[in-house]
Amino acid sequence: MKSIILAGGSGTRLFPLSRKKFPKQFLSFGDNETLLQKTINRNLKAVNNTDDIVVITNNDYQFHVKNQVKDILGEDFNIILEPIGRNTAPAIALAAKYTLDKLNADENEVLFISPSDHIISPYEAFAEYVKQAEELAKQGYIVTFGINPTKPETGYGYIEADTTNSLTITNNKLTSTNPAYKVKQFHEKPDLETAQKYLLSGNYYWNSGMFAFSIKTILEEFEKHAPEIFNLIHNHTFEELIMNFEEMPDISIDYAVMEKTDRAVVLPMNIMWSDVGSWDSVYEVLDKDENQNVKIGNVIDIDTKNSLIMGDERLIATIGIEDMLVVETPDTILIAKKGEGQKVKDLVNILKENPETKPITEFHTTVYRPWGCYTEFEKGERYRIKRITVQPGQKLSLQMHHHRSEHWIVVKGTAKVVLENENGELEEFYIHENESTYVPKTTKHRLINPGKIPLEIIEVQVGEYVEEDDIIRFDDIYKRK
């Protein structure tokens, strides 16, 4: 069995912590392990080894993925880069093709599909469910995982199970088995009254967005229900499929297959699960103190109850508040009433409409790059100040700017600088702590960290235009344009 982890989502429902260029799968909440790292460690309990893990993401996120998973899966792990976002059905089709062409699997191989941004525990019980789903998938079923609802939730889709039609599994290796049922119908997110009826009925489950099926089964269902996807898989190699990926329809696996197939079964899971889709759900899954507060960061609370208070660098002090959501980042503070977390999406849409606030929805003040990161300290008319961190052995592209000059001051480590001279030749020299250099406009330059510790510099940009798109790359080891 191969575990396919979908890590290309770009949701901003957890704004301001989640941004378009740094979505929630790369975030951690109260510990040092991100949701993506948790997903990989959890899925490793259900497969044989690290080679059975495949991560699919897009070009924008590839370096986030590589940096976060290399210590778990090694440097040379299975990663698929979608050239363009086309929803979950094309992503799953691409993963199936990769498994056949690149991992030399046959069509009986079972694929376990999971999002990268959920919280699930305990891992051992989860692994047992996945192994049970593997046995069902070997019988030709498409298994979807249903979560036993604990409340009338309006933020999830539901799976209606035919509890008169259960399936049995014969495998002595499984320590426990649970009933699985034929799927009667999938339902969209309901209103509160409908969700209450679902909860009372006893045969409705939250749709977790996880699936298991053999490659053979999903290809047959693509051919039957989504021929445009099947034809692209069938008529192209993996490399050709990548080149022609924009021809894929933008459609979810639910609409393309699950709502049409007669081979769907639901495996109810009686474990802790959350898609962490809002700040309300973050509050629900994190540990609370004696006043039922979740506190992360430098927080002082007085007469505060039932609240989520999450800080970054600044002190957050609360007095006499109850049922509140407070999330602070260096550039934004969100304050909302509990129960209103779903409206963060509306807030982000408003911010996107204004050119001045749109960048806030895309980037943090700290922006990650394949070579390290930079943090913006201040920006004004004709100037910008950053702290740049370059990881050991990494280098920025050989580049040039039309509209700005740059001053570099080393505050930690040693910098190797490549700079174009008056004759158009590239010269190399070193600058150390408390030393600086100057990069004029329209001059080729490159910054390299040759040392064993992170290099930190303060960069002061001055010019008539100081945005990130004023960059011409001549050489880049990360193959960026």
Protein backbone atom coordinates (compact mmCIF):
# COMPACT_ATOMS: atom_id res chain seq x y z
CA MET A 1 0.00 0.00 0.00
CA LYS A 2 1.17 3.50 -0.86
CA SER A 3 0.20 6.57 1.17
CA ILE A 4 -0.56 9.57 -1.07
CA ILE A 5 -0.48 12.82 0.92
CA LEU A 6 -2.19 15.82 -0.69
CA ALA A 7 -0.18 18.89 0.31
CA GLY A 8 -1.11 21.46 -2.33
CA GLY A 9 -4.02 23.24 -0.63
CA SER A 10 -3.86 27.01 -0.18
CA GLY A 11 -6.75 27.79 2.16
CA THR A 12 -6.71 30.88 4.37
CA ARG A 13 -9.41 29.97 6.89
CA LEU A 14 -6.80 30.18 9.63
CA PHE A 15 -5.74 33.71 8.71
CA PRO A 16 -3.65 35.47 9.95
CA LEU A 17 -1.48 32.46 10.79
CA SER A 18 -2.26 30.78 7.47
CA ARG A 19 -1.52 32.71 4.28
CA LYS A 20 -1.81 31.79 0.60
CA LYS A 21 1.95 31.25 0.29
CA PHE A 22 2.21 29.51 3.67
CA PRO A 23 -1.02 27.53 4.26
CA LYS A 24 -2.02 25.53 7.31
CA GLN A 25 -0.34 22.22 6.42
CA PHE A 26 2.98 23.93 7.18
CA LEU A 27 1.84 25.34 10.53
CA SER A 28 2.28 23.99 14.04
CA PHE A 29 -0.02 24.67 16.98
CA GLY A 30 1.58 24.68 20.39
CA ASP A 31 4.39 22.24 19.52
CA ASN A 32 7.27 21.97 17.06
CA GLU A 33 5.60 19.51 14.69
CA THR A 34 3.66 20.88 11.71
CA LEU A 35 0.43 19.34 10.44
CA LEU A 36 2.30 17.93 7.43
CA GLN A 37 4.89 16.31 9.68
CA LYS A 38 2.14 14.87 11.88
CA THR A 39 0.43 13.43 8.79
CA ILE A 40 3.60 11.72 7.59
CA ASN A 41 4.43 10.27 11.00
CA ARG A 42 0.84 9.06 11.39
CA ASN A 43 0.69 7.47 7.94
CA LEU A 44 4.02 5.71 8.50
CA LYS A 45 2.22 3.62 11.12
CA ALA A 46 0.05 2.14 8.36
CA VAL A 47 2.61 1.45 5.59
CA ASN A 48 5.77 -0.62 5.49
CA ASN A 49 8.50 2.00 5.06
CA THR A 50 9.29 5.58 4.05
CA ASP A 51 9.41 4.64 0.35
CA ASP A 52 5.65 3.99 0.56
CA ILE A 53 4.96 7.68 1.24
CA VAL A 54 4.28 9.97 -1.75
CA VAL A 55 3.71 13.70 -1.22
CA ILE A 56 1.96 15.67 -3.97
CA THR A 57 2.16 19.45 -3.89
CA ASN A 58 2.73 22.38 -6.25
CA ASN A 59 5.83 24.27 -7.33
CA ASP A 60 5.17 27.14 -4.91
CA TYR A 61 5.26 24.81 -1.90
CA GLN A 62 7.94 22.33 -2.92
CA PHE A 63 10.67 23.86 -0.77
CA HIS A 64 8.39 24.09 2.27
CA VAL A 65 7.64 20.38 1.83
CA LYS A 66 11.28 19.41 1.32
CA ASN A 67 12.47 21.38 4.34
CA GLN A 68 9.79 19.94 6.62
CA VAL A 69 9.95 16.26 5.66
CA LYS A 70 13.61 15.60 4.86
CA ASP A 71 14.37 14.64 8.47
CA ILE A 72 11.49 12.11 8.40
CA LEU A 73 11.69 10.66 4.88
CA GLY A 74 15.26 11.56 3.89
CA GLU A 75 16.45 13.91 1.16
CA ASP A 76 15.40 11.67 -1.76
CA PHE A 77 11.74 11.03 -0.99
CA ASN A 78 8.79 10.61 -3.37
CA ILE A 79 7.42 14.03 -4.30
CA ILE A 80 5.11 14.99 -7.16
CA LEU A 81 4.94 18.62 -8.29
CA GLU A 82 1.68 19.68 -9.92
CA PRO A 83 2.45 22.33 -12.55
CA ILE A 84 -0.97 23.89 -11.97
CA GLY A 85 -3.73 23.38 -9.41
CA ARG A 86 -6.56 21.19 -10.69
CA ASN A 87 -8.33 19.95 -7.52
CA THR A 88 -8.25 16.49 -5.94
CA ALA A 89 -9.41 14.23 -8.81
CA PRO A 90 -6.55 15.20 -11.18
CA ALA A 91 -4.10 15.13 -8.25
CA ILE A 92 -5.14 11.56 -7.41
CA ALA A 93 -4.94 10.58 -11.07
CA LEU A 94 -1.42 12.01 -11.27
CA ALA A 95 -0.42 10.11 -8.12
CA ALA A 96 -1.78 6.86 -9.55
CA LYS A 97 0.25 7.38 -12.74
CA TYR A 98 3.38 8.18 -10.71
CA THR A 99 2.93 5.01 -8.66
CA LEU A 100 2.64 2.91 -11.82
CA ASP A 101 5.43 4.55 -13.85
CA LYS A 102 7.95 5.62 -11.21
CA LEU A 103 7.45 3.16 -8.35
CA ASN A 104 6.83 0.18 -10.63
CA ALA A 105 3.62 -0.78 -8.85
CA ASP A 106 1.01 -2.96 -10.50
CA GLU A 107 -2.66 -2.11 -10.76
CA ASN A 108 -3.53 -4.11 -7.65
CA GLU A 109 -1.52 -1.74 -5.45
CA VAL A 110 -3.74 0.02 -2.91
CA LEU A 111 -3.51 3.79 -2.55
CA PHE A 112 -4.44 5.48 0.70
CA ILE A 113 -5.28 9.14 0.02
CA SER A 114 -5.12 11.64 2.85
CA PRO A 115 -5.02 15.43 3.23
CA SER A 116 -1.92 16.87 4.88
CA ASP A 117 -3.61 19.30 7.27
CA HIS A 118 -5.76 17.25 9.66
CA ILE A 119 -5.27 16.32 13.31
CA ILE A 120 -5.99 12.67 14.17
CA SER A 121 -5.26 10.54 17.23
CA PRO A 122 -4.37 8.03 18.45
CA TYR A 123 -2.02 6.97 15.68
CA GLU A 124 -2.19 3.25 16.45
CA ALA A 125 -5.98 3.10 16.19
CA PHE A 126 -5.83 5.17 13.01
CA ALA A 127 -3.37 2.71 11.47
CA GLU A 128 -5.72 -0.19 12.21
CA TYR A 129 -8.53 1.54 10.36
CA VAL A 130 -6.28 2.19 7.36
CA LYS A 131 -5.18 -1.45 7.26
CA GLN A 132 -8.81 -2.53 7.41
CA ALA A 133 -9.56 -0.18 4.51
CA GLU A 134 -6.68 -1.75 2.58
CA GLU A 135 -8.37 -5.15 2.81
CA LEU A 136 -11.66 -3.69 1.58
CA ALA A 137 -9.86 -1.93 -1.27
CA LYS A 138 -8.31 -5.23 -2.35
CA GLN A 139 -11.86 -6.52 -2.81
CA GLY A 140 -12.56 -3.78 -5.36
CA TYR A 141 -14.26 -1.24 -3.11
CA ILE A 142 -13.59 2.47 -2.90
CA VAL A 143 -13.33 3.12 0.81
CA THR A 144 -14.15 6.48 2.31
CA PHE A 145 -13.51 7.16 5.99
CA GLY A 146 -16.43 8.48 8.01
CA ILE A 147 -16.05 10.15 11.40
CA ASN A 148 -18.65 9.44 14.07
CA PRO A 149 -20.23 12.87 14.62
CA THR A 150 -20.11 14.31 18.12
CA LYS A 151 -22.26 17.37 17.46
CA PRO A 152 -24.52 18.85 14.74
CA GLU A 153 -21.62 20.24 12.68
CA THR A 154 -22.53 22.49 9.74
CA GLY A 155 -18.95 22.86 8.47
CA TYR A 156 -18.54 19.29 7.15
CA GLY A 157 -20.07 17.23 4.40
CA TYR A 158 -21.81 14.01 5.49
CA ILE A 159 -21.87 10.40 4.31
CA GLU A 160 -25.14 8.53 4.65
CA ALA A 161 -24.47 4.84 5.28
CA ASP A 162 -26.72 1.91 4.41
CA THR A 163 -26.41 0.23 7.79
CA THR A 164 -28.49 -2.72 6.56
CA ASN A 165 -25.70 -3.56 4.12
CA SER A 166 -22.49 -4.19 6.06
CA LEU A 167 -19.27 -5.77 4.82
CA THR A 168 -16.99 -8.26 6.53
CA ILE A 169 -13.23 -8.58 6.40
CA THR A 170 -11.33 -11.83 6.75
CA ASN A 171 -7.77 -11.09 7.80
CA ASN A 172 -6.30 -12.60 10.94
CA LYS A 173 -3.49 -10.03 10.95
CA LEU A 174 -5.89 -7.29 11.97
CA THR A 175 -6.12 -6.93 15.73
CA SER A 176 -9.59 -5.45 15.49
CA THR A 177 -12.24 -5.01 12.84
CA ASN A 178 -15.13 -2.59 12.57
CA PRO A 179 -18.21 -2.72 10.38
CA ALA A 180 -18.09 -1.01 7.01
CA TYR A 181 -21.23 -0.13 5.07
CA LYS A 182 -22.23 0.58 1.53
CA VAL A 183 -22.59 4.30 0.91
CA LYS A 184 -26.16 5.34 0.40
CA GLN A 185 -25.54 8.99 -0.45
CA PHE A 186 -23.12 11.88 0.01
CA HIS A 187 -24.53 15.13 1.40
CA GLU A 188 -23.22 18.69 1.21
CA LYS A 189 -22.66 20.83 4.31
CA PRO A 190 -26.09 21.08 5.98
CA ASP A 191 -27.85 23.82 7.89
CA LEU A 192 -28.11 23.41 11.66
CA GLU A 193 -31.56 21.82 11.65
CA THR A 194 -30.50 19.21 9.09
CA ALA A 195 -27.23 18.55 10.93
CA GLN A 196 -29.23 17.84 14.11
CA LYS A 197 -31.32 15.29 12.21
CA TYR A 198 -28.17 13.66 10.86
CA LEU A 199 -26.74 13.38 14.37
CA LEU A 200 -29.89 11.73 15.74
CA SER A 201 -30.26 9.28 12.85
CA GLY A 202 -27.16 7.26 13.75
CA ASN A 203 -26.15 6.43 10.17
CA TYR A 204 -24.61 9.73 9.07
CA TYR A 205 -20.86 10.37 9.32
CA TRP A 206 -18.62 13.36 8.75
CA ASN A 207 -16.78 13.10 5.44
CA SER A 208 -13.08 13.09 6.36
CA GLY A 209 -11.75 13.46 2.81
CA MET A 210 -9.65 10.28 3.11
CA PHE A 211 -9.97 7.35 0.70
CA ALA A 212 -8.50 3.94 -0.09
CA PHE A 213 -8.75 2.02 -3.37
CA SER A 214 -6.62 -0.04 -5.71
CA ILE A 215 -5.15 1.64 -8.77
CA LYS A 216 -7.16 -0.76 -10.94
CA THR A 217 -10.41 0.26 -9.28
CA ILE A 218 -9.89 4.00 -9.48
CA LEU A 219 -8.80 3.78 -13.14
CA GLU A 220 -11.96 1.83 -13.96
CA GLU A 221 -14.08 4.43 -12.19
CA PHE A 222 -12.28 7.31 -13.94
CA GLU A 223 -12.94 5.61 -17.26
CA LYS A 224 -16.63 5.20 -16.40
CA HIS A 225 -17.38 8.53 -14.72
CA ALA A 226 -14.56 10.94 -15.73
CA PRO A 227 -13.33 9.82 -19.17
CA GLU A 228 -11.50 13.10 -19.78
CA ILE A 229 -9.25 12.28 -16.82
CA PHE A 230 -8.88 8.61 -17.74
CA ASN A 231 -7.91 9.38 -21.35
CA LEU A 232 -5.11 11.68 -20.22
CA ILE A 233 -3.78 8.99 -17.85
CA HIS A 234 -4.16 6.18 -20.37
CA ASN A 235 -2.62 7.96 -23.37
CA HIS A 236 0.39 9.60 -21.70
CA THR A 237 3.48 8.71 -19.74
CA PHE A 238 3.92 10.40 -16.37
CA GLU A 239 6.21 13.05 -17.90
CA GLU A 240 3.71 13.70 -20.71
CA LEU A 241 0.90 13.93 -18.18
CA ILE A 242 2.81 16.62 -16.32
CA MET A 243 3.31 18.56 -19.56
CA ASN A 244 -0.39 18.30 -20.42
CA PHE A 245 -1.72 18.69 -16.88
CA GLU A 246 -3.52 21.95 -17.66
CA GLU A 247 -5.89 19.91 -19.83
CA MET A 248 -7.20 18.22 -16.68
CA PRO A 249 -10.64 19.40 -15.49
CA ASP A 250 -10.77 21.32 -12.23
CA ILE A 251 -12.89 18.86 -10.26
CA SER A 252 -12.84 17.16 -6.87
CA ILE A 253 -12.73 13.39 -6.44
CA ASP A 254 -16.15 13.65 -4.75
CA TYR A 255 -17.83 15.12 -7.83
CA ALA A 256 -15.78 13.15 -10.37
CA VAL A 257 -16.19 9.68 -8.86
CA MET A 258 -17.49 9.29 -5.30
CA GLU A 259 -21.01 10.67 -5.88
CA LYS A 260 -21.43 8.51 -9.02
CA THR A 261 -19.80 5.18 -8.21
CA ASP A 262 -21.66 2.12 -6.92
CA ARG A 263 -18.47 0.77 -5.33
CA ALA A 264 -18.21 3.23 -2.44
CA VAL A 265 -18.21 1.99 1.14
CA VAL A 266 -17.81 3.96 4.32
CA LEU A 267 -15.62 2.82 7.19
CA PRO A 268 -16.70 4.63 10.38
CA MET A 269 -13.78 5.77 12.56
CA ASN A 270 -14.28 6.24 16.26
CA ILE A 271 -11.21 8.39 16.92
CA MET A 272 -10.32 12.03 17.47
CA TRP A 273 -10.35 13.83 14.11
CA SER A 274 -10.40 17.45 13.04
CA ASP A 275 -9.79 19.10 9.70
CA VAL A 276 -8.66 22.18 11.68
CA GLY A 277 -10.80 24.22 9.32
CA SER A 278 -11.40 27.22 11.57
CA TRP A 279 -10.10 28.84 14.74
CA ASP A 280 -13.05 27.32 16.57
CA SER A 281 -11.85 23.83 15.62
CA VAL A 282 -8.27 24.74 16.63
CA TYR A 283 -9.62 25.67 20.06
CA GLU A 284 -11.46 22.36 20.32
CA VAL A 285 -8.45 20.12 19.68
CA LEU A 286 -5.79 21.89 21.79
CA ASP A 287 -5.12 21.42 25.50
CA LYS A 288 -6.86 23.86 27.83
CA ASP A 289 -6.08 25.22 31.29
CA GLU A 290 -8.36 25.24 34.34
CA ASN A 291 -10.36 28.14 32.87
CA GLN A 292 -10.81 26.33 29.56
CA ASN A 293 -8.42 28.70 27.82
CA VAL A 294 -5.97 27.73 25.10
CA LYS A 295 -2.88 29.91 25.51
CA ILE A 296 0.10 29.88 23.16
CA GLY A 297 2.89 32.44 23.34
CA ASN A 298 3.46 35.22 25.86
CA VAL A 299 -0.02 35.47 27.41
CA ILE A 300 -1.26 36.94 30.69
CA ASP A 301 -4.96 36.46 31.36
CA ILE A 302 -7.16 37.78 34.16
CA ASP A 303 -10.78 36.66 34.56
CA THR A 304 -10.62 35.13 31.09
CA LYS A 305 -12.57 31.97 30.21
CA ASN A 306 -13.24 29.62 27.28
CA SER A 307 -10.97 31.52 24.91
CA LEU A 308 -8.20 30.88 22.41
CA ILE A 309 -5.30 33.31 22.81
CA MET A 310 -2.40 32.74 20.44
CA GLY A 311 0.54 35.12 20.29
CA ASP A 312 3.78 35.42 18.38
CA GLU A 313 6.28 38.00 19.63
CA ARG A 314 4.24 40.51 21.60
CA LEU A 315 2.74 40.13 25.04
CA ILE A 316 -1.01 39.56 24.92
CA ALA A 317 -2.92 40.58 28.05
CA THR A 318 -6.64 39.87 28.47
CA ILE A 319 -8.99 40.98 31.23
CA GLY A 320 -12.57 39.85 31.70
CA ILE A 321 -13.17 38.29 28.31
CA GLU A 322 -15.02 35.06 27.58
CA ASP A 323 -15.62 32.94 24.48
CA MET A 324 -13.13 34.87 22.35
CA LEU A 325 -10.60 34.06 19.63
CA VAL A 326 -7.44 36.19 19.70
CA VAL A 327 -4.64 35.44 17.21
CA GLU A 328 -1.60 37.72 16.88
CA THR A 329 1.12 37.75 14.20
CA PRO A 330 3.75 40.46 13.61
CA ASP A 331 1.53 42.29 11.11
CA THR A 332 -2.05 41.36 12.06
CA ILE A 333 -4.28 40.78 15.08
CA LEU A 334 -7.52 38.83 14.70
CA ILE A 335 -10.20 39.22 17.39
CA ALA A 336 -13.41 37.26 16.95
CA LYS A 337 -16.18 35.75 19.00
CA LYS A 338 -16.10 31.97 19.32
CA GLY A 339 -18.53 30.42 16.89
CA GLU A 340 -17.74 33.01 14.23
CA GLY A 341 -14.52 31.40 13.00
CA GLN A 342 -15.99 30.42 9.64
CA LYS A 343 -16.34 34.13 8.78
CA VAL A 344 -12.55 34.51 8.59
CA LYS A 345 -12.94 33.47 4.97
CA ASP A 346 -15.17 36.51 4.41
CA LEU A 347 -12.55 38.73 6.03
CA VAL A 348 -9.84 37.38 3.71
CA ASN A 349 -12.04 38.03 0.67
CA ILE A 350 -12.48 41.66 1.76
CA LEU A 351 -8.72 42.06 2.21
CA LYS A 352 -8.07 40.57 -1.25
CA GLU A 353 -10.28 43.20 -2.88
CA ASN A 354 -8.03 46.03 -1.69
CA PRO A 355 -4.63 46.23 -3.47
CA GLU A 356 -3.06 47.65 -0.32
CA THR A 357 -4.17 44.77 1.92
CA LYS A 358 -4.07 41.90 -0.59
CA PRO A 359 -0.35 41.14 0.09
CA ILE A 360 -1.21 40.48 3.75
CA THR A 361 -3.36 37.50 2.68
CA GLU A 362 -0.46 36.00 0.70
CA PHE A 363 2.70 36.54 2.75
CA HIS A 364 3.81 36.74 6.36
CA THR A 365 6.40 39.31 7.39
CA THR A 366 8.74 36.30 7.35
CA VAL A 367 8.85 34.77 3.87
CA TYR A 368 10.47 31.39 3.28
CA ARG A 369 12.72 30.68 0.32
CA PRO A 370 14.58 27.49 -0.68
CA TRP A 371 17.83 29.01 0.62
CA GLY A 372 16.36 30.24 3.94
CA CYS A 373 14.04 33.14 4.72
CA TYR A 374 13.75 36.88 5.11
CA THR A 375 11.82 39.01 7.60
CA GLU A 376 10.65 42.49 6.67
CA PHE A 377 11.29 45.03 9.44
CA GLU A 378 10.09 48.20 7.77
CA LYS A 379 8.95 49.48 4.38
CA GLY A 380 8.35 53.02 3.24
CA GLU A 381 8.50 55.20 0.16
CA ARG A 382 11.76 54.36 -1.66
CA TYR A 383 13.19 52.05 1.03
CA ARG A 384 12.79 48.60 2.61
CA ILE A 385 14.65 46.92 5.48
CA LYS A 386 14.96 43.13 5.87
CA ARG A 387 16.78 40.52 7.92
CA ILE A 388 17.95 37.76 5.57
CA THR A 389 18.87 34.30 6.85
CA VAL A 390 20.78 31.96 4.52
CA GLN A 391 21.15 28.35 5.62
CA PRO A 392 24.63 26.71 5.59
CA GLY A 393 25.80 25.78 2.11
CA GLN A 394 22.94 27.61 0.37
CA LYS A 395 23.13 30.44 -2.14
CA LEU A 396 20.77 33.00 -3.61
CA SER A 397 20.44 33.30 -7.37
CA LEU A 398 22.83 35.35 -9.44
CA GLN A 399 20.57 38.34 -9.99
CA MET A 400 20.19 42.01 -10.79
CA HIS A 401 17.70 44.78 -9.93
CA HIS A 402 16.73 47.66 -12.22
CA HIS A 403 15.26 50.01 -9.62
CA ARG A 404 17.06 49.52 -6.31
CA SER A 405 20.47 49.38 -4.72
CA GLU A 406 21.22 47.27 -1.65
CA HIS A 407 23.42 47.57 1.42
CA TRP A 408 24.32 44.32 3.22
CA ILE A 409 25.52 44.26 6.84
CA VAL A 410 26.57 40.89 8.31
CA VAL A 411 25.32 40.34 11.87
CA LYS A 412 26.07 36.60 12.13
CA GLY A 413 28.28 34.20 10.18
CA THR A 414 30.39 34.78 7.08
CA ALA A 415 29.08 35.85 3.69
CA LYS A 416 30.64 35.04 0.35
CA VAL A 417 29.66 37.76 -2.11
CA VAL A 418 29.75 37.56 -5.89
CA LEU A 419 29.63 41.05 -7.42
CA GLU A 420 30.01 42.37 -10.96
CA ASN A 421 32.85 44.89 -11.38
CA GLU A 422 33.14 47.86 -13.75
CA ASN A 423 34.47 45.59 -16.51
CA GLY A 424 31.44 43.28 -16.30
CA GLU A 425 33.48 40.54 -14.62
CA LEU A 426 32.27 38.64 -11.53
CA GLU A 427 34.47 39.00 -8.46
CA GLU A 428 34.27 37.01 -5.21
CA PHE A 429 35.06 38.26 -1.72
CA TYR A 430 34.09 37.61 1.91
CA ILE A 431 32.49 39.86 4.51
CA HIS A 432 32.30 38.98 8.21
CA GLU A 433 30.32 40.06 11.25
CA ASN A 434 29.98 43.84 11.53
CA GLU A 435 31.28 44.30 7.97
CA SER A 436 29.22 45.51 5.02
CA THR A 437 29.11 45.89 1.25
CA TYR A 438 27.15 47.85 -1.32
CA VAL A 439 25.34 46.50 -4.41
CA PRO A 440 24.54 49.22 -7.00
CA LYS A 441 21.52 49.13 -9.31
CA THR A 442 21.78 47.02 -12.50
CA THR A 443 24.74 45.11 -11.06
CA LYS A 444 24.85 41.31 -11.05
CA HIS A 445 25.31 39.89 -7.56
CA ARG A 446 24.92 36.76 -5.46
CA LEU A 447 24.95 35.99 -1.74
CA ILE A 448 26.35 32.66 -0.50
CA ASN A 449 26.71 31.09 2.93
CA PRO A 450 29.94 29.04 2.83
CA GLY A 451 29.91 28.37 6.57
CA LYS A 452 28.51 25.83 9.04
CA ILE A 453 26.03 28.14 10.80
CA PRO A 454 23.15 30.24 9.42
CA LEU A 455 24.22 33.51 7.86
CA GLU A 456 22.23 36.57 8.96
CA ILE A 457 22.47 39.95 7.26
CA ILE A 458 20.55 43.18 7.42
CA GLU A 459 19.61 44.36 3.94
CA VAL A 460 18.63 47.97 3.27
CA GLN A 461 17.06 48.52 -0.15
CA VAL A 462 16.85 52.04 -1.57
CA GLY A 463 15.26 53.01 -4.88
CA GLU A 464 12.18 54.16 -6.74
CA TYR A 465 10.70 50.62 -6.67
CA VAL A 466 11.43 48.06 -3.94
CA GLU A 467 8.98 45.22 -4.66
CA GLU A 468 9.96 41.56 -5.01
CA ASP A 469 9.26 41.38 -8.73
CA ASP A 470 12.18 43.70 -9.55
CA ILE A 471 14.56 40.80 -10.04
CA ILE A 472 16.31 39.36 -13.08
CA ARG A 473 17.82 35.91 -12.47
CA PHE A 474 20.83 34.75 -14.50
CA ASP A 475 21.57 31.53 -12.62
CA ASP A 476 19.65 29.71 -9.90
CA ILE A 477 20.42 26.30 -8.39
CA TYR A 478 16.73 25.93 -7.45
CA LYS A 479 15.65 26.38 -11.11
CA ARG A 480 13.41 29.36 -10.42
CA LYS A 481 12.61 31.78 -13.24
